[in-house]
Amino acid sequence: MAPNKAIDRLQMRDNFSCHADSYDRYASVQRRVVDLLGCRIADLDPGAGLVLDVGTGTGALAAELLKAEPRRQLVVMDIAHGMTREAVKRLPAVSSCDADASHLPFVDSAFAGVFSSSVYQWVDCLPAAFTEVARVLRPGGFFVFALFGQQTLRELRAAHRQAIALSGRHRSSHVQSFPTLDEVSVALATAGLSCSDLSSTMEVEYHLDVPDLLRQLKRIGASNASADRPRGLASRRVMQLMTKHYEATFRCAAGLPASYEVIIALAEKTWQRSPFPIQL
């Protein structure tokens, strides 16, 4: 499976950290994703032991985890220190650290469960990131997550590709790509995780215009962090062409749509037989 278009990890970290204090005011789709996950985890019991929230953001999913089981021992982590700080403000009793979802700073089999919302679309290589999850999960532990899939921001990406083509620029669109449902499935299997539930649903937001959409993305820190993004502002002509195509092709009575494909998975680290025979 091909890795996601390379992400500038430092840029991504800075984007989210700088907008941590405004995130909850604008992250309406992300809030709905947490609600969808909340329905999945309400009756899920990973058993006694530590539970990890990867890419906690401002702690919304962590709050749902504690609502389901107030005595749960919870560790929250985020690559952006500003986000980790906001999560601890919301939930002062949890343990916390700053860390990258691609490189979990924990010992093997440390957690009874790993949970995550709207994070793993930001990693360069899903199989490697999920292998890290499998490493820190104890046998029988659950991995429950939601990420944004291939159809996310399909209108914006289509308009940008069209604008690039019409502008005569000989380069591909730098707008971030997102994983497919099949890629998520393969990544879980590659990591040795057994998936019992994998589904996709669409969430749609409506905006006044293209600048309104781009402002909202910026205010939650979800600005473009592709490593090959052009430096400086995009050309005025490309922006004008993109806006014109977006408006002409996608505007409807409700406004200007921005679609998000939400992929949700429930997986488990299964018990494995020892490769060595037991001597009696």
C-alpha atoms as a PDB file:
ATOM      1  CA  MET A   1       0.000   0.000   0.000  1.00  0.00           C
ATOM      2  CA  ALA A   2       1.363   3.394  -0.953  1.00  0.00           C
ATOM      3  CA  PRO A   3       1.941   5.799   1.947  1.00  0.00           C
ATOM      4  CA  ASN A   4      -0.039   8.995   2.272  1.00  0.00           C
ATOM      5  CA  LYS A   5       1.403  12.079   0.618  1.00  0.00           C
ATOM      6  CA  ALA A   6       4.282  13.096   2.889  1.00  0.00           C
ATOM      7  CA  ILE A   7       3.221  15.303   5.780  1.00  0.00           C
ATOM      8  CA  ASP A   8       5.476  17.987   7.226  1.00  0.00           C
ATOM      9  CA  ARG A   9       5.270  16.856  10.862  1.00  0.00           C
ATOM     10  CA  LEU A  10       6.673  20.090  12.306  1.00  0.00           C
ATOM     11  CA  GLN A  11       4.266  22.213  10.268  1.00  0.00           C
ATOM     12  CA  MET A  12       1.331  20.045  11.324  1.00  0.00           C
ATOM     13  CA  ARG A  13       2.368  20.255  14.986  1.00  0.00           C
ATOM     14  CA  ASP A  14       2.665  24.048  14.814  1.00  0.00           C
ATOM     15  CA  ASN A  15      -0.648  24.428  12.954  1.00  0.00           C
ATOM     16  CA  PHE A  16      -2.608  22.572  15.614  1.00  0.00           C
ATOM     17  CA  SER A  17      -0.731  23.931  18.606  1.00  0.00           C
ATOM     18  CA  CYS A  18      -1.257  27.548  17.541  1.00  0.00           C
ATOM     19  CA  HIS A  19      -5.012  27.033  17.122  1.00  0.00           C
ATOM     20  CA  ALA A  20      -5.678  24.868  20.182  1.00  0.00           C
ATOM     21  CA  ASP A  21      -7.539  27.634  22.026  1.00  0.00           C
ATOM     22  CA  SER A  22      -9.992  28.152  19.130  1.00  0.00           C
ATOM     23  CA  TYR A  23     -10.342  24.503  18.074  1.00  0.00           C
ATOM     24  CA  ASP A  24     -13.566  23.675  19.896  1.00  0.00           C
ATOM     25  CA  ARG A  25     -15.364  26.735  18.505  1.00  0.00           C
ATOM     26  CA  TYR A  26     -14.851  25.653  14.893  1.00  0.00           C
ATOM     27  CA  ALA A  27     -14.291  21.850  14.877  1.00  0.00           C
ATOM     28  CA  SER A  28     -17.955  20.946  14.404  1.00  0.00           C
ATOM     29  CA  VAL A  29     -17.350  17.936  12.143  1.00  0.00           C
ATOM     30  CA  GLN A  30     -14.678  16.626  14.500  1.00  0.00           C
ATOM     31  CA  ARG A  31     -17.172  16.960  17.355  1.00  0.00           C
ATOM     32  CA  ARG A  32     -19.693  14.862  15.425  1.00  0.00           C
ATOM     33  CA  VAL A  33     -17.011  12.237  14.826  1.00  0.00           C
ATOM     34  CA  VAL A  34     -16.414  12.033  18.595  1.00  0.00           C
ATOM     35  CA  ASP A  35     -20.154  11.579  19.072  1.00  0.00           C
ATOM     36  CA  LEU A  36     -20.148   8.706  16.541  1.00  0.00           C
ATOM     37  CA  LEU A  37     -17.254   7.072  18.383  1.00  0.00           C
ATOM     38  CA  GLY A  38     -18.967   7.647  21.708  1.00  0.00           C
ATOM     39  CA  CYS A  39     -21.840   5.431  20.577  1.00  0.00           C
ATOM     40  CA  ARG A  40     -19.352   2.662  19.721  1.00  0.00           C
ATOM     41  CA  ILE A  41     -17.401   2.776  22.978  1.00  0.00           C
ATOM     42  CA  ALA A  42     -20.317   3.183  25.414  1.00  0.00           C
ATOM     43  CA  ASP A  43     -20.669  -0.576  25.948  1.00  0.00           C
ATOM     44  CA  LEU A  44     -17.076  -1.552  25.188  1.00  0.00           C
ATOM     45  CA  ASP A  45     -15.053  -2.848  28.121  1.00  0.00           C
ATOM     46  CA  PRO A  46     -11.310  -3.145  27.454  1.00  0.00           C
ATOM     47  CA  GLY A  47     -10.853  -4.499  30.972  1.00  0.00           C
ATOM     48  CA  ALA A  48      -8.631  -3.240  33.753  1.00  0.00           C
ATOM     49  CA  GLY A  49      -5.496  -1.353  32.866  1.00  0.00           C
ATOM     50  CA  LEU A  50      -4.305   1.803  31.180  1.00  0.00           C
ATOM     51  CA  VAL A  51      -6.120   3.255  28.183  1.00  0.00           C
ATOM     52  CA  LEU A  52      -4.505   5.582  25.628  1.00  0.00           C
ATOM     53  CA  ASP A  53      -6.123   8.413  23.640  1.00  0.00           C
ATOM     54  CA  VAL A  54      -3.892   9.061  20.599  1.00  0.00           C
ATOM     55  CA  GLY A  55      -4.045  12.614  19.244  1.00  0.00           C
ATOM     56  CA  THR A  56      -6.347  13.748  22.006  1.00  0.00           C
ATOM     57  CA  GLY A  57      -6.808  17.291  20.711  1.00  0.00           C
ATOM     58  CA  THR A  58      -8.688  19.214  23.386  1.00  0.00           C
ATOM     59  CA  GLY A  59      -9.763  15.991  25.117  1.00  0.00           C
ATOM     60  CA  ALA A  60     -13.260  15.518  23.693  1.00  0.00           C
ATOM     61  CA  LEU A  61     -12.882  11.778  23.107  1.00  0.00           C
ATOM     62  CA  ALA A  62     -11.067  11.362  26.436  1.00  0.00           C
ATOM     63  CA  ALA A  63     -14.086  12.948  28.135  1.00  0.00           C
ATOM     64  CA  GLU A  64     -16.362  10.398  26.438  1.00  0.00           C
ATOM     65  CA  LEU A  65     -14.106   7.570  27.601  1.00  0.00           C
ATOM     66  CA  LEU A  66     -14.315   8.785  31.189  1.00  0.00           C
ATOM     67  CA  LYS A  67     -18.067   9.277  30.911  1.00  0.00           C
ATOM     68  CA  ALA A  68     -18.406   5.614  29.963  1.00  0.00           C
ATOM     69  CA  GLU A  69     -16.100   4.521  32.805  1.00  0.00           C
ATOM     70  CA  PRO A  70     -15.159   7.284  35.318  1.00  0.00           C
ATOM     71  CA  ARG A  71     -12.554   5.099  37.072  1.00  0.00           C
ATOM     72  CA  ARG A  72     -10.681   4.416  33.849  1.00  0.00           C
ATOM     73  CA  GLN A  73      -6.906   5.025  33.982  1.00  0.00           C
ATOM     74  CA  LEU A  74      -6.384   7.293  31.007  1.00  0.00           C
ATOM     75  CA  VAL A  75      -3.303   8.621  29.215  1.00  0.00           C
ATOM     76  CA  VAL A  76      -3.798  11.402  26.654  1.00  0.00           C
ATOM     77  CA  MET A  77      -1.201  12.404  24.076  1.00  0.00           C
ATOM     78  CA  ASP A  78      -0.948  14.778  21.147  1.00  0.00           C
ATOM     79  CA  ILE A  79       1.842  15.878  18.844  1.00  0.00           C
ATOM     80  CA  ALA A  80       0.841  19.509  19.493  1.00  0.00           C
ATOM     81  CA  HIS A  81       1.664  20.732  22.986  1.00  0.00           C
ATOM     82  CA  GLY A  82      -1.105  23.339  22.841  1.00  0.00           C
ATOM     83  CA  MET A  83      -3.649  20.564  22.319  1.00  0.00           C
ATOM     84  CA  THR A  84      -2.267  18.416  25.134  1.00  0.00           C
ATOM     85  CA  ARG A  85      -2.442  21.455  27.424  1.00  0.00           C
ATOM     86  CA  GLU A  86      -6.097  22.075  26.535  1.00  0.00           C
ATOM     87  CA  ALA A  87      -6.965  18.419  27.190  1.00  0.00           C
ATOM     88  CA  VAL A  88      -5.378  18.546  30.643  1.00  0.00           C
ATOM     89  CA  LYS A  89      -7.308  21.738  31.431  1.00  0.00           C
ATOM     90  CA  ARG A  90     -10.509  19.871  30.630  1.00  0.00           C
ATOM     91  CA  LEU A  91      -9.498  16.656  32.420  1.00  0.00           C
ATOM     92  CA  PRO A  92      -6.904  17.487  35.090  1.00  0.00           C
ATOM     93  CA  ALA A  93      -6.857  13.958  36.526  1.00  0.00           C
ATOM     94  CA  VAL A  94      -5.522  12.254  33.375  1.00  0.00           C
ATOM     95  CA  SER A  95      -1.875  11.523  32.627  1.00  0.00           C
ATOM     96  CA  SER A  96      -0.486  13.259  29.543  1.00  0.00           C
ATOM     97  CA  CYS A  97       2.454  13.561  27.193  1.00  0.00           C
ATOM     98  CA  ASP A  98       3.391  15.130  23.859  1.00  0.00           C
ATOM     99  CA  ALA A  99       4.065  12.456  21.230  1.00  0.00           C
ATOM    100  CA  ASP A 100       3.627  11.531  17.563  1.00  0.00           C
ATOM    101  CA  ALA A 101       1.047   8.894  16.583  1.00  0.00           C
ATOM    102  CA  SER A 102       3.672   7.376  14.295  1.00  0.00           C
ATOM    103  CA  HIS A 103       6.114   6.741  17.158  1.00  0.00           C
ATOM    104  CA  LEU A 104       4.395   5.904  20.446  1.00  0.00           C
ATOM    105  CA  PRO A 105       6.772   6.431  23.415  1.00  0.00           C
ATOM    106  CA  PHE A 106       5.483   3.509  25.476  1.00  0.00           C
ATOM    107  CA  VAL A 107       6.687   0.026  26.338  1.00  0.00           C
ATOM    108  CA  ASP A 108       5.229  -3.060  24.691  1.00  0.00           C
ATOM    109  CA  SER A 109       1.806  -4.265  25.897  1.00  0.00           C
ATOM    110  CA  ALA A 110       1.317  -1.185  28.070  1.00  0.00           C
ATOM    111  CA  PHE A 111      -2.381  -0.568  27.308  1.00  0.00           C
ATOM    112  CA  ALA A 112      -5.677  -2.406  27.581  1.00  0.00           C
ATOM    113  CA  GLY A 113      -7.170  -0.145  24.916  1.00  0.00           C
ATOM    114  CA  VAL A 114      -6.111   2.487  22.385  1.00  0.00           C
ATOM    115  CA  PHE A 115      -8.622   5.048  21.099  1.00  0.00           C
ATOM    116  CA  SER A 116      -8.315   7.868  18.590  1.00  0.00           C
ATOM    117  CA  SER A 117     -10.473  10.372  16.730  1.00  0.00           C
ATOM    118  CA  SER A 118      -9.648  12.335  13.549  1.00  0.00           C
ATOM    119  CA  VAL A 119      -5.898  11.695  13.763  1.00  0.00           C
ATOM    120  CA  TYR A 120      -4.628   8.890  11.580  1.00  0.00           C
ATOM    121  CA  GLN A 121      -5.298  10.676   8.273  1.00  0.00           C
ATOM    122  CA  TRP A 122      -2.289  12.786   9.289  1.00  0.00           C
ATOM    123  CA  VAL A 123       0.270   9.966   9.360  1.00  0.00           C
ATOM    124  CA  ASP A 124       2.516   9.194   6.395  1.00  0.00           C
ATOM    125  CA  CYS A 125       2.219   5.399   6.619  1.00  0.00           C
ATOM    126  CA  LEU A 126      -0.837   3.737   8.172  1.00  0.00           C
ATOM    127  CA  PRO A 127       0.626   0.187   8.421  1.00  0.00           C
ATOM    128  CA  ALA A 128       3.630   1.486  10.381  1.00  0.00           C
ATOM    129  CA  ALA A 129       1.442   3.621  12.665  1.00  0.00           C
ATOM    130  CA  PHE A 130      -0.980   0.751  13.325  1.00  0.00           C
ATOM    131  CA  THR A 131       1.954  -1.575  14.016  1.00  0.00           C
ATOM    132  CA  GLU A 132       2.946   0.854  16.771  1.00  0.00           C
ATOM    133  CA  VAL A 133      -0.560   0.533  18.204  1.00  0.00           C
ATOM    134  CA  ALA A 134      -0.331  -3.270  18.087  1.00  0.00           C
ATOM    135  CA  ARG A 135       3.007  -3.094  19.883  1.00  0.00           C
ATOM    136  CA  VAL A 136       1.709  -1.071  22.847  1.00  0.00           C
ATOM    137  CA  LEU A 137      -1.557  -3.037  23.128  1.00  0.00           C
ATOM    138  CA  ARG A 138      -1.680  -6.063  25.372  1.00  0.00           C
ATOM    139  CA  PRO A 139      -3.141  -9.258  23.845  1.00  0.00           C
ATOM    140  CA  GLY A 140      -6.914  -8.977  23.833  1.00  0.00           C
ATOM    141  CA  GLY A 141      -6.727  -5.180  23.840  1.00  0.00           C
ATOM    142  CA  PHE A 142      -9.008  -3.025  21.674  1.00  0.00           C
ATOM    143  CA  PHE A 143      -8.082  -0.409  19.072  1.00  0.00           C
ATOM    144  CA  VAL A 144     -11.033   1.868  18.289  1.00  0.00           C
ATOM    145  CA  PHE A 145     -10.613   4.864  16.021  1.00  0.00           C
ATOM    146  CA  ALA A 146     -12.116   7.193  13.456  1.00  0.00           C
ATOM    147  CA  LEU A 147     -10.229   8.922  10.661  1.00  0.00           C
ATOM    148  CA  PHE A 148     -11.123  10.942   7.594  1.00  0.00           C
ATOM    149  CA  GLY A 149     -11.239   8.894   4.395  1.00  0.00           C
ATOM    150  CA  GLN A 150     -10.713   9.361   0.675  1.00  0.00           C
ATOM    151  CA  GLN A 151     -13.901  11.356  -0.031  1.00  0.00           C
ATOM    152  CA  THR A 152     -13.038  14.023   2.546  1.00  0.00           C
ATOM    153  CA  LEU A 153     -13.059  17.552   1.071  1.00  0.00           C
ATOM    154  CA  ARG A 154     -13.705  16.025  -2.339  1.00  0.00           C
ATOM    155  CA  GLU A 155     -15.258  19.260  -3.602  1.00  0.00           C
ATOM    156  CA  LEU A 156     -12.251  21.352  -2.578  1.00  0.00           C
ATOM    157  CA  ARG A 157      -9.767  18.877  -4.050  1.00  0.00           C
ATOM    158  CA  ALA A 158     -11.676  18.608  -7.341  1.00  0.00           C
ATOM    159  CA  ALA A 159     -11.884  22.402  -7.655  1.00  0.00           C
ATOM    160  CA  HIS A 160      -8.181  22.788  -6.920  1.00  0.00           C
ATOM    161  CA  ARG A 161      -7.195  20.151  -9.506  1.00  0.00           C
ATOM    162  CA  GLN A 162      -9.353  21.916 -12.089  1.00  0.00           C
ATOM    163  CA  ALA A 163      -7.803  25.276 -11.237  1.00  0.00           C
ATOM    164  CA  ILE A 164      -4.281  23.869 -11.589  1.00  0.00           C
ATOM    165  CA  ALA A 165      -5.157  22.419 -14.993  1.00  0.00           C
ATOM    166  CA  LEU A 166      -6.760  25.643 -16.261  1.00  0.00           C
ATOM    167  CA  SER A 167      -3.896  27.793 -14.993  1.00  0.00           C
ATOM    168  CA  GLY A 168      -1.425  25.963 -17.214  1.00  0.00           C
ATOM    169  CA  ARG A 169       0.799  25.047 -14.275  1.00  0.00           C
ATOM    170  CA  HIS A 170       2.621  21.778 -14.798  1.00  0.00           C
ATOM    171  CA  ARG A 171       2.301  20.288 -11.338  1.00  0.00           C
ATOM    172  CA  SER A 172      -0.162  18.190  -9.408  1.00  0.00           C
ATOM    173  CA  SER A 173      -2.475  19.523  -6.742  1.00  0.00           C
ATOM    174  CA  HIS A 174      -0.782  19.761  -3.329  1.00  0.00           C
ATOM    175  CA  VAL A 175      -4.058  19.396  -1.400  1.00  0.00           C
ATOM    176  CA  GLN A 176      -3.739  16.537   1.105  1.00  0.00           C
ATOM    177  CA  SER A 177      -4.954  13.075   0.140  1.00  0.00           C
ATOM    178  CA  PHE A 178      -6.814  10.738   2.509  1.00  0.00           C
ATOM    179  CA  PRO A 179      -6.778   6.932   2.912  1.00  0.00           C
ATOM    180  CA  THR A 180      -9.368   4.631   1.368  1.00  0.00           C
ATOM    181  CA  LEU A 181     -11.435   2.092   3.290  1.00  0.00           C
ATOM    182  CA  ASP A 182      -9.405  -0.714   1.690  1.00  0.00           C
ATOM    183  CA  GLU A 183      -6.133   0.936   2.712  1.00  0.00           C
ATOM    184  CA  VAL A 184      -7.313   1.131   6.311  1.00  0.00           C
ATOM    185  CA  SER A 185      -8.317  -2.543   6.214  1.00  0.00           C
ATOM    186  CA  VAL A 186      -4.961  -3.605   4.766  1.00  0.00           C
ATOM    187  CA  ALA A 187      -3.064  -1.467   7.294  1.00  0.00           C
ATOM    188  CA  LEU A 188      -4.859  -3.144  10.208  1.00  0.00           C
ATOM    189  CA  ALA A 189      -4.170  -6.612   8.814  1.00  0.00           C
ATOM    190  CA  THR A 190      -0.525  -5.731   8.164  1.00  0.00           C
ATOM    191  CA  ALA A 191      -0.203  -4.655  11.793  1.00  0.00           C
ATOM    192  CA  GLY A 192      -1.628  -7.997  12.932  1.00  0.00           C
ATOM    193  CA  LEU A 193      -4.836  -6.471  14.282  1.00  0.00           C
ATOM    194  CA  SER A 194      -8.119  -8.336  13.852  1.00  0.00           C
ATOM    195  CA  CYS A 195     -10.857  -5.980  12.652  1.00  0.00           C
ATOM    196  CA  SER A 196     -14.422  -6.844  13.651  1.00  0.00           C
ATOM    197  CA  ASP A 197     -16.107  -3.635  12.476  1.00  0.00           C
ATOM    198  CA  LEU A 198     -15.051  -1.295   9.672  1.00  0.00           C
ATOM    199  CA  SER A 199     -17.482   1.202   8.195  1.00  0.00           C
ATOM    200  CA  SER A 200     -17.694   4.506   6.381  1.00  0.00           C
ATOM    201  CA  THR A 201     -20.230   7.331   6.617  1.00  0.00           C
ATOM    202  CA  MET A 202     -20.447  10.821   5.140  1.00  0.00           C
ATOM    203  CA  GLU A 203     -20.791  14.076   7.072  1.00  0.00           C
ATOM    204  CA  VAL A 204     -21.461  17.319   5.176  1.00  0.00           C
ATOM    205  CA  GLU A 205     -21.025  20.909   6.332  1.00  0.00           C
ATOM    206  CA  TYR A 206     -22.316  23.947   4.437  1.00  0.00           C
ATOM    207  CA  HIS A 207     -20.444  27.235   4.148  1.00  0.00           C
ATOM    208  CA  LEU A 208     -21.181  30.737   2.936  1.00  0.00           C
ATOM    209  CA  ASP A 209     -18.383  30.603   0.368  1.00  0.00           C
ATOM    210  CA  VAL A 210     -14.888  29.205  -0.276  1.00  0.00           C
ATOM    211  CA  PRO A 211     -13.098  31.747   1.965  1.00  0.00           C
ATOM    212  CA  ASP A 212     -15.446  30.766   4.805  1.00  0.00           C
ATOM    213  CA  LEU A 213     -14.461  27.089   4.393  1.00  0.00           C
ATOM    214  CA  LEU A 214     -10.744  27.874   4.226  1.00  0.00           C
ATOM    215  CA  ARG A 215     -10.970  30.103   7.318  1.00  0.00           C
ATOM    216  CA  GLN A 216     -12.643  27.333   9.293  1.00  0.00           C
ATOM    217  CA  LEU A 217      -9.978  24.808   8.298  1.00  0.00           C
ATOM    218  CA  LYS A 218      -7.283  27.253   9.355  1.00  0.00           C
ATOM    219  CA  ARG A 219      -8.957  28.026  12.691  1.00  0.00           C
ATOM    220  CA  ILE A 220      -8.826  24.383  13.770  1.00  0.00           C
ATOM    221  CA  GLY A 221      -5.218  23.984  12.629  1.00  0.00           C
ATOM    222  CA  ALA A 222      -6.091  21.829   9.611  1.00  0.00           C
ATOM    223  CA  SER A 223      -4.159  23.980   7.161  1.00  0.00           C
ATOM    224  CA  ASN A 224      -2.255  22.211   4.414  1.00  0.00           C
ATOM    225  CA  ALA A 225       0.755  20.404   5.872  1.00  0.00           C
ATOM    226  CA  SER A 226       1.861  18.467   2.790  1.00  0.00           C
ATOM    227  CA  ALA A 227       5.625  18.435   2.572  1.00  0.00           C
ATOM    228  CA  ASP A 228       5.474  19.429  -1.114  1.00  0.00           C
ATOM    229  CA  ARG A 229       3.062  22.348  -0.646  1.00  0.00           C
ATOM    230  CA  PRO A 230       4.202  25.528  -2.435  1.00  0.00           C
ATOM    231  CA  ARG A 231       5.852  28.080  -0.168  1.00  0.00           C
ATOM    232  CA  GLY A 232       4.066  31.369   0.224  1.00  0.00           C
ATOM    233  CA  LEU A 233       0.530  32.102  -0.902  1.00  0.00           C
ATOM    234  CA  ALA A 234      -1.051  30.220  -3.793  1.00  0.00           C
ATOM    235  CA  SER A 235      -1.214  32.295  -6.960  1.00  0.00           C
ATOM    236  CA  ARG A 236      -4.161  34.634  -7.194  1.00  0.00           C
ATOM    237  CA  ARG A 237      -5.186  33.105 -10.525  1.00  0.00           C
ATOM    238  CA  VAL A 238      -5.312  29.560  -9.113  1.00  0.00           C
ATOM    239  CA  MET A 239      -7.381  30.747  -6.133  1.00  0.00           C
ATOM    240  CA  GLN A 240      -9.787  32.617  -8.399  1.00  0.00           C
ATOM    241  CA  LEU A 241     -10.201  29.635 -10.709  1.00  0.00           C
ATOM    242  CA  MET A 242     -10.661  27.265  -7.788  1.00  0.00           C
ATOM    243  CA  THR A 243     -13.330  29.469  -6.192  1.00  0.00           C
ATOM    244  CA  LYS A 244     -15.170  29.877  -9.491  1.00  0.00           C
ATOM    245  CA  HIS A 245     -15.191  26.127 -10.191  1.00  0.00           C
ATOM    246  CA  TYR A 246     -16.229  25.249  -6.627  1.00  0.00           C
ATOM    247  CA  GLU A 247     -19.139  27.711  -6.742  1.00  0.00           C
ATOM    248  CA  ALA A 248     -20.317  26.712 -10.216  1.00  0.00           C
ATOM    249  CA  THR A 249     -20.103  22.971  -9.649  1.00  0.00           C
ATOM    250  CA  PHE A 250     -21.118  22.381  -6.057  1.00  0.00           C
ATOM    251  CA  ARG A 251     -23.253  25.226  -4.656  1.00  0.00           C
ATOM    252  CA  CYS A 252     -26.755  24.130  -3.631  1.00  0.00           C
ATOM    253  CA  ALA A 253     -29.709  25.606  -1.775  1.00  0.00           C
ATOM    254  CA  ALA A 254     -28.121  24.842   1.621  1.00  0.00           C
ATOM    255  CA  GLY A 255     -24.881  26.622   0.729  1.00  0.00           C
ATOM    256  CA  LEU A 256     -21.433  25.495  -0.341  1.00  0.00           C
ATOM    257  CA  PRO A 257     -20.914  21.858   0.745  1.00  0.00           C
ATOM    258  CA  ALA A 258     -17.751  20.399   2.247  1.00  0.00           C
ATOM    259  CA  SER A 259     -17.921  16.605   2.543  1.00  0.00           C
ATOM    260  CA  TYR A 260     -16.100  14.465   5.085  1.00  0.00           C
ATOM    261  CA  GLU A 261     -15.855  10.688   4.831  1.00  0.00           C
ATOM    262  CA  VAL A 262     -15.621   9.256   8.345  1.00  0.00           C
ATOM    263  CA  ILE A 263     -14.072   5.787   8.599  1.00  0.00           C
ATOM    264  CA  ILE A 264     -14.642   4.030  11.927  1.00  0.00           C
ATOM    265  CA  ALA A 265     -12.972   0.796  12.986  1.00  0.00           C
ATOM    266  CA  LEU A 266     -13.004  -1.587  15.927  1.00  0.00           C
ATOM    267  CA  ALA A 267     -10.003  -3.921  16.010  1.00  0.00           C
ATOM    268  CA  GLU A 268      -8.383  -6.209  18.541  1.00  0.00           C
ATOM    269  CA  LYS A 269      -4.926  -7.534  19.253  1.00  0.00           C
ATOM    270  CA  THR A 270      -5.693 -11.235  19.321  1.00  0.00           C
ATOM    271  CA  TRP A 271      -4.068 -13.730  21.617  1.00  0.00           C
ATOM    272  CA  GLN A 272      -1.250 -15.573  19.866  1.00  0.00           C
ATOM    273  CA  ARG A 273       0.216 -18.978  20.549  1.00  0.00           C
ATOM    274  CA  SER A 274       3.803 -19.128  21.670  1.00  0.00           C
ATOM    275  CA  PRO A 275       6.120 -20.225  18.815  1.00  0.00           C
ATOM    276  CA  PHE A 276       7.859 -22.527  21.323  1.00  0.00           C
ATOM    277  CA  PRO A 277       6.258 -25.741  22.603  1.00  0.00           C
ATOM    278  CA  ILE A 278       5.536 -25.901  26.306  1.00  0.00           C
ATOM    279  CA  GLN A 279       7.647 -28.500  28.085  1.00  0.00           C
ATOM    280  CA  LEU A 280       5.718 -30.513  30.675  1.00  0.00           C
END
